[in-house]
N, C-alpha and C. Protein backbone atom coordinates (compact mmCIF):
# COMPACT_ATOMS: atom_id res chain seq x y z
N MET A 1 -44.78 -40.34 -14.28
CA MET A 1 -43.65 -40.12 -13.44
C MET A 1 -43.94 -40.47 -12.01
N SER A 2 -42.89 -40.89 -11.35
CA SER A 2 -43.10 -41.26 -9.97
C SER A 2 -43.19 -40.01 -9.09
N GLU A 3 -43.74 -40.23 -7.93
CA GLU A 3 -43.95 -39.10 -7.00
C GLU A 3 -42.61 -38.47 -6.57
N VAL A 4 -41.61 -39.28 -6.34
CA VAL A 4 -40.30 -38.79 -5.92
C VAL A 4 -39.68 -37.92 -7.03
N LEU A 5 -39.79 -38.34 -8.31
CA LEU A 5 -39.28 -37.59 -9.40
C LEU A 5 -40.01 -36.23 -9.50
N ASN A 6 -41.35 -36.21 -9.28
CA ASN A 6 -42.08 -34.95 -9.27
C ASN A 6 -41.60 -34.03 -8.19
N ILE A 7 -41.36 -34.51 -7.02
CA ILE A 7 -40.87 -33.70 -5.91
C ILE A 7 -39.47 -33.13 -6.25
N VAL A 8 -38.60 -33.94 -6.80
CA VAL A 8 -37.25 -33.46 -7.18
C VAL A 8 -37.34 -32.39 -8.24
N MET A 9 -38.18 -32.59 -9.23
CA MET A 9 -38.37 -31.59 -10.30
C MET A 9 -38.89 -30.23 -9.75
N ILE A 10 -39.84 -30.35 -8.89
CA ILE A 10 -40.40 -29.11 -8.25
C ILE A 10 -39.33 -28.38 -7.43
N CYS A 11 -38.51 -29.17 -6.70
CA CYS A 11 -37.44 -28.55 -5.93
C CYS A 11 -36.41 -27.86 -6.82
N LEU A 12 -36.07 -28.49 -7.96
CA LEU A 12 -35.14 -27.90 -8.88
C LEU A 12 -35.68 -26.64 -9.52
N VAL A 13 -36.94 -26.66 -9.87
CA VAL A 13 -37.56 -25.47 -10.44
C VAL A 13 -37.59 -24.34 -9.44
N MET A 14 -37.92 -24.66 -8.21
CA MET A 14 -37.96 -23.64 -7.14
C MET A 14 -36.59 -23.04 -6.90
N MET A 15 -35.54 -23.86 -6.89
CA MET A 15 -34.18 -23.39 -6.74
C MET A 15 -33.75 -22.44 -7.89
N VAL A 16 -34.12 -22.77 -9.12
CA VAL A 16 -33.81 -21.92 -10.27
C VAL A 16 -34.55 -20.57 -10.11
N LEU A 17 -35.82 -20.65 -9.79
CA LEU A 17 -36.63 -19.43 -9.61
C LEU A 17 -36.04 -18.56 -8.48
N LEU A 18 -35.65 -19.15 -7.40
CA LEU A 18 -35.07 -18.41 -6.30
C LEU A 18 -33.73 -17.71 -6.73
N PHE A 19 -32.92 -18.43 -7.52
CA PHE A 19 -31.68 -17.91 -7.99
C PHE A 19 -31.93 -16.68 -8.89
N TYR A 20 -32.86 -16.77 -9.81
CA TYR A 20 -33.11 -15.65 -10.68
C TYR A 20 -33.79 -14.48 -9.99
N ALA A 21 -34.61 -14.79 -8.98
CA ALA A 21 -35.26 -13.72 -8.18
C ALA A 21 -34.21 -12.91 -7.43
N ARG A 22 -33.20 -13.61 -6.86
CA ARG A 22 -32.17 -12.92 -6.12
C ARG A 22 -31.28 -12.13 -7.04
N LYS A 23 -31.01 -12.70 -8.24
CA LYS A 23 -30.18 -11.98 -9.22
C LYS A 23 -30.89 -10.70 -9.68
N PHE A 24 -32.19 -10.79 -9.95
CA PHE A 24 -32.96 -9.62 -10.31
C PHE A 24 -32.96 -8.56 -9.24
N ARG A 25 -33.15 -8.98 -8.01
CA ARG A 25 -33.14 -8.07 -6.87
C ARG A 25 -31.84 -7.36 -6.68
N ASN A 26 -30.75 -8.12 -6.82
CA ASN A 26 -29.38 -7.52 -6.75
C ASN A 26 -29.17 -6.47 -7.87
N ARG A 27 -29.67 -6.76 -9.00
CA ARG A 27 -29.55 -5.81 -10.15
C ARG A 27 -30.32 -4.57 -9.85
N GLN A 28 -31.47 -4.66 -9.23
CA GLN A 28 -32.22 -3.45 -8.88
C GLN A 28 -31.48 -2.60 -7.86
N VAL A 29 -30.86 -3.22 -6.87
CA VAL A 29 -30.15 -2.49 -5.85
C VAL A 29 -28.90 -1.82 -6.51
N GLN A 30 -28.18 -2.53 -7.36
CA GLN A 30 -27.03 -1.93 -8.07
C GLN A 30 -27.47 -0.73 -8.90
N LYS A 31 -28.60 -0.85 -9.54
CA LYS A 31 -29.08 0.24 -10.40
C LYS A 31 -29.45 1.45 -9.52
N ALA A 32 -30.04 1.25 -8.34
CA ALA A 32 -30.34 2.31 -7.41
C ALA A 32 -29.04 3.01 -6.99
N GLY A 33 -27.97 2.28 -6.75
CA GLY A 33 -26.74 2.85 -6.39
C GLY A 33 -26.10 3.69 -7.53
N MET A 34 -26.23 3.19 -8.69
CA MET A 34 -25.68 3.98 -9.85
C MET A 34 -26.53 5.23 -10.06
N ASN A 35 -27.83 5.16 -9.84
CA ASN A 35 -28.68 6.33 -9.97
C ASN A 35 -28.30 7.42 -8.98
N ILE A 36 -27.97 7.01 -7.77
CA ILE A 36 -27.54 7.97 -6.72
C ILE A 36 -26.24 8.63 -7.14
N VAL A 37 -25.27 7.82 -7.60
CA VAL A 37 -23.98 8.36 -8.02
C VAL A 37 -24.13 9.34 -9.17
N ASN A 38 -24.90 8.91 -10.17
CA ASN A 38 -25.14 9.79 -11.33
C ASN A 38 -25.88 11.06 -10.95
N ASP A 39 -26.82 10.94 -10.05
CA ASP A 39 -27.58 12.12 -9.59
C ASP A 39 -26.62 13.13 -8.94
N LEU A 40 -25.75 12.62 -7.99
CA LEU A 40 -24.82 13.52 -7.38
C LEU A 40 -23.81 14.15 -8.33
N ARG A 41 -23.37 13.36 -9.29
CA ARG A 41 -22.46 13.88 -10.31
C ARG A 41 -23.13 14.92 -11.18
N SER A 42 -24.36 14.65 -11.57
CA SER A 42 -25.07 15.66 -12.45
C SER A 42 -25.34 16.98 -11.71
N LYS A 43 -25.53 16.87 -10.37
CA LYS A 43 -25.75 18.11 -9.63
C LYS A 43 -24.46 18.77 -9.23
N GLY A 44 -23.31 18.17 -9.54
CA GLY A 44 -22.03 18.76 -9.18
C GLY A 44 -21.67 18.69 -7.73
N ALA A 45 -22.21 17.74 -7.00
CA ALA A 45 -22.00 17.59 -5.56
C ALA A 45 -20.76 16.65 -5.36
N LEU A 46 -19.60 17.22 -5.53
CA LEU A 46 -18.40 16.44 -5.43
C LEU A 46 -17.52 16.71 -4.19
N ASP A 47 -17.92 17.68 -3.41
CA ASP A 47 -17.22 17.95 -2.20
C ASP A 47 -18.22 18.65 -1.18
N PRO A 48 -17.80 18.77 0.08
CA PRO A 48 -18.76 19.30 1.06
C PRO A 48 -19.31 20.73 0.73
N ALA A 49 -18.50 21.52 0.05
CA ALA A 49 -18.94 22.85 -0.29
C ALA A 49 -20.06 22.85 -1.34
N SER A 50 -20.11 21.83 -2.15
CA SER A 50 -21.15 21.78 -3.20
C SER A 50 -22.22 20.74 -2.92
N ALA A 51 -22.31 20.36 -1.70
CA ALA A 51 -23.29 19.32 -1.26
C ALA A 51 -24.75 19.72 -1.55
N VAL A 52 -25.58 18.76 -1.85
CA VAL A 52 -26.99 19.07 -2.19
C VAL A 52 -27.94 18.18 -1.34
N GLU A 53 -29.20 18.61 -1.29
CA GLU A 53 -30.21 17.82 -0.67
C GLU A 53 -30.78 16.85 -1.66
N LEU A 54 -31.11 15.67 -1.19
CA LEU A 54 -31.74 14.66 -2.04
C LEU A 54 -33.11 14.29 -1.47
N PRO A 55 -34.15 14.43 -2.28
CA PRO A 55 -35.50 14.22 -1.78
C PRO A 55 -35.83 12.79 -1.45
N TYR A 56 -35.08 11.87 -1.96
CA TYR A 56 -35.44 10.41 -1.77
C TYR A 56 -34.67 9.74 -0.64
N VAL A 57 -33.97 10.50 0.17
CA VAL A 57 -33.18 9.91 1.23
C VAL A 57 -34.06 9.41 2.34
N GLN A 58 -35.08 10.09 2.73
CA GLN A 58 -35.94 9.73 3.80
C GLN A 58 -37.05 8.75 3.25
N ARG A 59 -37.27 7.65 4.00
CA ARG A 59 -38.32 6.75 3.59
C ARG A 59 -39.69 7.38 3.87
N LYS A 60 -40.59 7.11 3.00
CA LYS A 60 -41.96 7.66 3.14
C LYS A 60 -42.78 6.66 3.96
N LEU A 61 -43.67 7.26 4.76
CA LEU A 61 -44.53 6.36 5.60
C LEU A 61 -45.55 5.66 4.70
N LEU A 62 -46.13 6.41 3.81
CA LEU A 62 -47.13 5.83 2.93
C LEU A 62 -46.49 5.65 1.53
N ARG A 63 -46.18 4.39 1.25
CA ARG A 63 -45.53 4.09 -0.04
C ARG A 63 -46.53 3.52 -0.95
N ILE A 64 -46.70 4.15 -2.08
CA ILE A 64 -47.60 3.65 -3.13
C ILE A 64 -46.76 3.45 -4.39
N GLY A 65 -46.88 2.34 -5.05
CA GLY A 65 -46.14 2.06 -6.24
C GLY A 65 -45.04 1.09 -6.05
N PHE A 66 -43.99 1.22 -6.86
CA PHE A 66 -42.86 0.30 -6.80
C PHE A 66 -41.97 0.52 -5.64
N ARG A 67 -41.18 -0.43 -5.28
CA ARG A 67 -40.25 -0.34 -4.21
C ARG A 67 -39.12 0.61 -4.55
N ASP A 68 -38.79 1.49 -3.60
CA ASP A 68 -37.71 2.45 -3.83
C ASP A 68 -36.59 2.02 -2.94
N ASP A 69 -35.49 1.60 -3.55
CA ASP A 69 -34.32 1.11 -2.80
C ASP A 69 -33.33 2.23 -2.49
N ARG A 70 -33.57 3.42 -2.97
CA ARG A 70 -32.55 4.46 -2.85
C ARG A 70 -32.27 4.83 -1.39
N PRO A 71 -33.31 4.93 -0.46
CA PRO A 71 -32.95 5.27 0.91
C PRO A 71 -32.05 4.21 1.55
N LYS A 72 -32.32 2.95 1.34
CA LYS A 72 -31.50 1.90 1.88
C LYS A 72 -30.07 1.87 1.28
N VAL A 73 -29.97 2.05 -0.01
CA VAL A 73 -28.72 2.05 -0.66
C VAL A 73 -27.91 3.32 -0.25
N MET A 74 -28.58 4.48 -0.12
CA MET A 74 -27.92 5.63 0.32
C MET A 74 -27.29 5.50 1.70
N LYS A 75 -28.02 4.84 2.63
CA LYS A 75 -27.51 4.57 3.95
C LYS A 75 -26.22 3.74 3.88
N GLN A 76 -26.23 2.67 3.06
CA GLN A 76 -25.09 1.82 2.88
C GLN A 76 -23.93 2.60 2.28
N MET A 77 -24.20 3.45 1.31
CA MET A 77 -23.14 4.19 0.68
C MET A 77 -22.54 5.24 1.60
N VAL A 78 -23.31 5.77 2.54
CA VAL A 78 -22.77 6.70 3.53
C VAL A 78 -21.87 5.89 4.48
N GLN A 79 -22.30 4.72 4.92
CA GLN A 79 -21.50 3.90 5.79
C GLN A 79 -20.18 3.45 5.15
N MET A 80 -20.19 3.23 3.82
CA MET A 80 -18.99 2.80 3.14
C MET A 80 -18.06 3.99 2.81
N GLY A 81 -18.57 5.20 2.93
CA GLY A 81 -17.76 6.42 2.64
C GLY A 81 -17.88 6.88 1.19
N ILE A 82 -18.69 6.26 0.40
CA ILE A 82 -18.84 6.64 -1.01
C ILE A 82 -19.56 7.97 -1.07
N VAL A 83 -20.55 8.17 -0.24
CA VAL A 83 -21.29 9.45 -0.13
C VAL A 83 -21.00 10.05 1.20
N GLY A 84 -20.70 11.30 1.19
CA GLY A 84 -20.50 12.07 2.43
C GLY A 84 -21.71 12.84 2.84
N VAL A 85 -21.79 13.13 4.15
CA VAL A 85 -22.96 13.91 4.64
C VAL A 85 -22.33 15.10 5.42
N THR A 86 -22.86 16.30 5.14
CA THR A 86 -22.42 17.47 5.92
C THR A 86 -23.21 17.52 7.22
N GLU A 87 -22.83 18.51 8.06
CA GLU A 87 -23.54 18.64 9.35
C GLU A 87 -24.97 19.08 9.16
N THR A 88 -25.26 19.69 8.05
CA THR A 88 -26.65 20.18 7.76
C THR A 88 -27.50 19.16 7.08
N GLY A 89 -26.92 17.96 6.83
CA GLY A 89 -27.72 16.86 6.21
C GLY A 89 -27.68 16.90 4.69
N MET A 90 -26.72 17.57 4.09
CA MET A 90 -26.59 17.61 2.66
C MET A 90 -25.59 16.48 2.24
N PHE A 91 -25.71 16.06 1.00
CA PHE A 91 -24.96 14.94 0.53
C PHE A 91 -24.00 15.31 -0.62
N TYR A 92 -22.84 14.66 -0.67
CA TYR A 92 -21.89 14.86 -1.74
C TYR A 92 -21.22 13.54 -2.04
N LEU A 93 -20.66 13.43 -3.22
CA LEU A 93 -20.03 12.22 -3.70
C LEU A 93 -18.52 12.27 -3.37
N ASN A 94 -18.02 11.19 -2.78
CA ASN A 94 -16.61 11.06 -2.50
C ASN A 94 -16.00 10.19 -3.58
N GLU A 95 -15.52 10.78 -4.64
CA GLU A 95 -15.08 10.03 -5.85
C GLU A 95 -13.97 9.04 -5.55
N SER A 96 -13.11 9.37 -4.58
CA SER A 96 -11.95 8.52 -4.31
C SER A 96 -12.40 7.18 -3.66
N GLN A 97 -13.57 7.11 -3.10
CA GLN A 97 -14.05 5.88 -2.44
C GLN A 97 -14.89 4.97 -3.32
N ILE A 98 -15.16 5.42 -4.53
CA ILE A 98 -15.99 4.59 -5.42
C ILE A 98 -15.12 3.42 -5.91
N PRO A 99 -15.62 2.19 -5.71
CA PRO A 99 -14.82 1.00 -6.11
C PRO A 99 -14.76 0.99 -7.64
N LYS A 100 -13.56 0.68 -8.14
CA LYS A 100 -13.33 0.55 -9.58
C LYS A 100 -13.74 -0.81 -10.02
N PRO A 101 -14.38 -0.94 -11.22
CA PRO A 101 -14.74 -2.26 -11.69
C PRO A 101 -13.50 -3.06 -11.99
N GLU A 102 -13.58 -4.29 -11.59
CA GLU A 102 -12.39 -5.17 -11.78
C GLU A 102 -12.30 -5.60 -13.24
N GLU A 103 -11.08 -5.61 -13.73
CA GLU A 103 -10.88 -5.95 -15.13
C GLU A 103 -10.82 -7.47 -15.24
N ALA A 104 -11.49 -7.96 -16.26
CA ALA A 104 -11.53 -9.41 -16.45
C ALA A 104 -10.32 -9.92 -17.19
């Protein structure tokens, strides 16, 4: 094979790998969001009166093991209004703000 063809093939393989890496990462973030929603539902935190503390909200200084996306996703969900925060720092789920899956 010529050198140009080798470079083109390597570029194509790198683009495919980048695509799948981003897709995998997005799936992990979505899964973290669903875990937060399911956790709040299972604890019955559906309004400010029934709000609960969540141990994984604060990032840990010393992280050992796999990446934990829940603090980052929780911050985004609070900004979007999906999760509410009380004055005391407790969290509850705002069911009316959860986006509905679009029908195909």
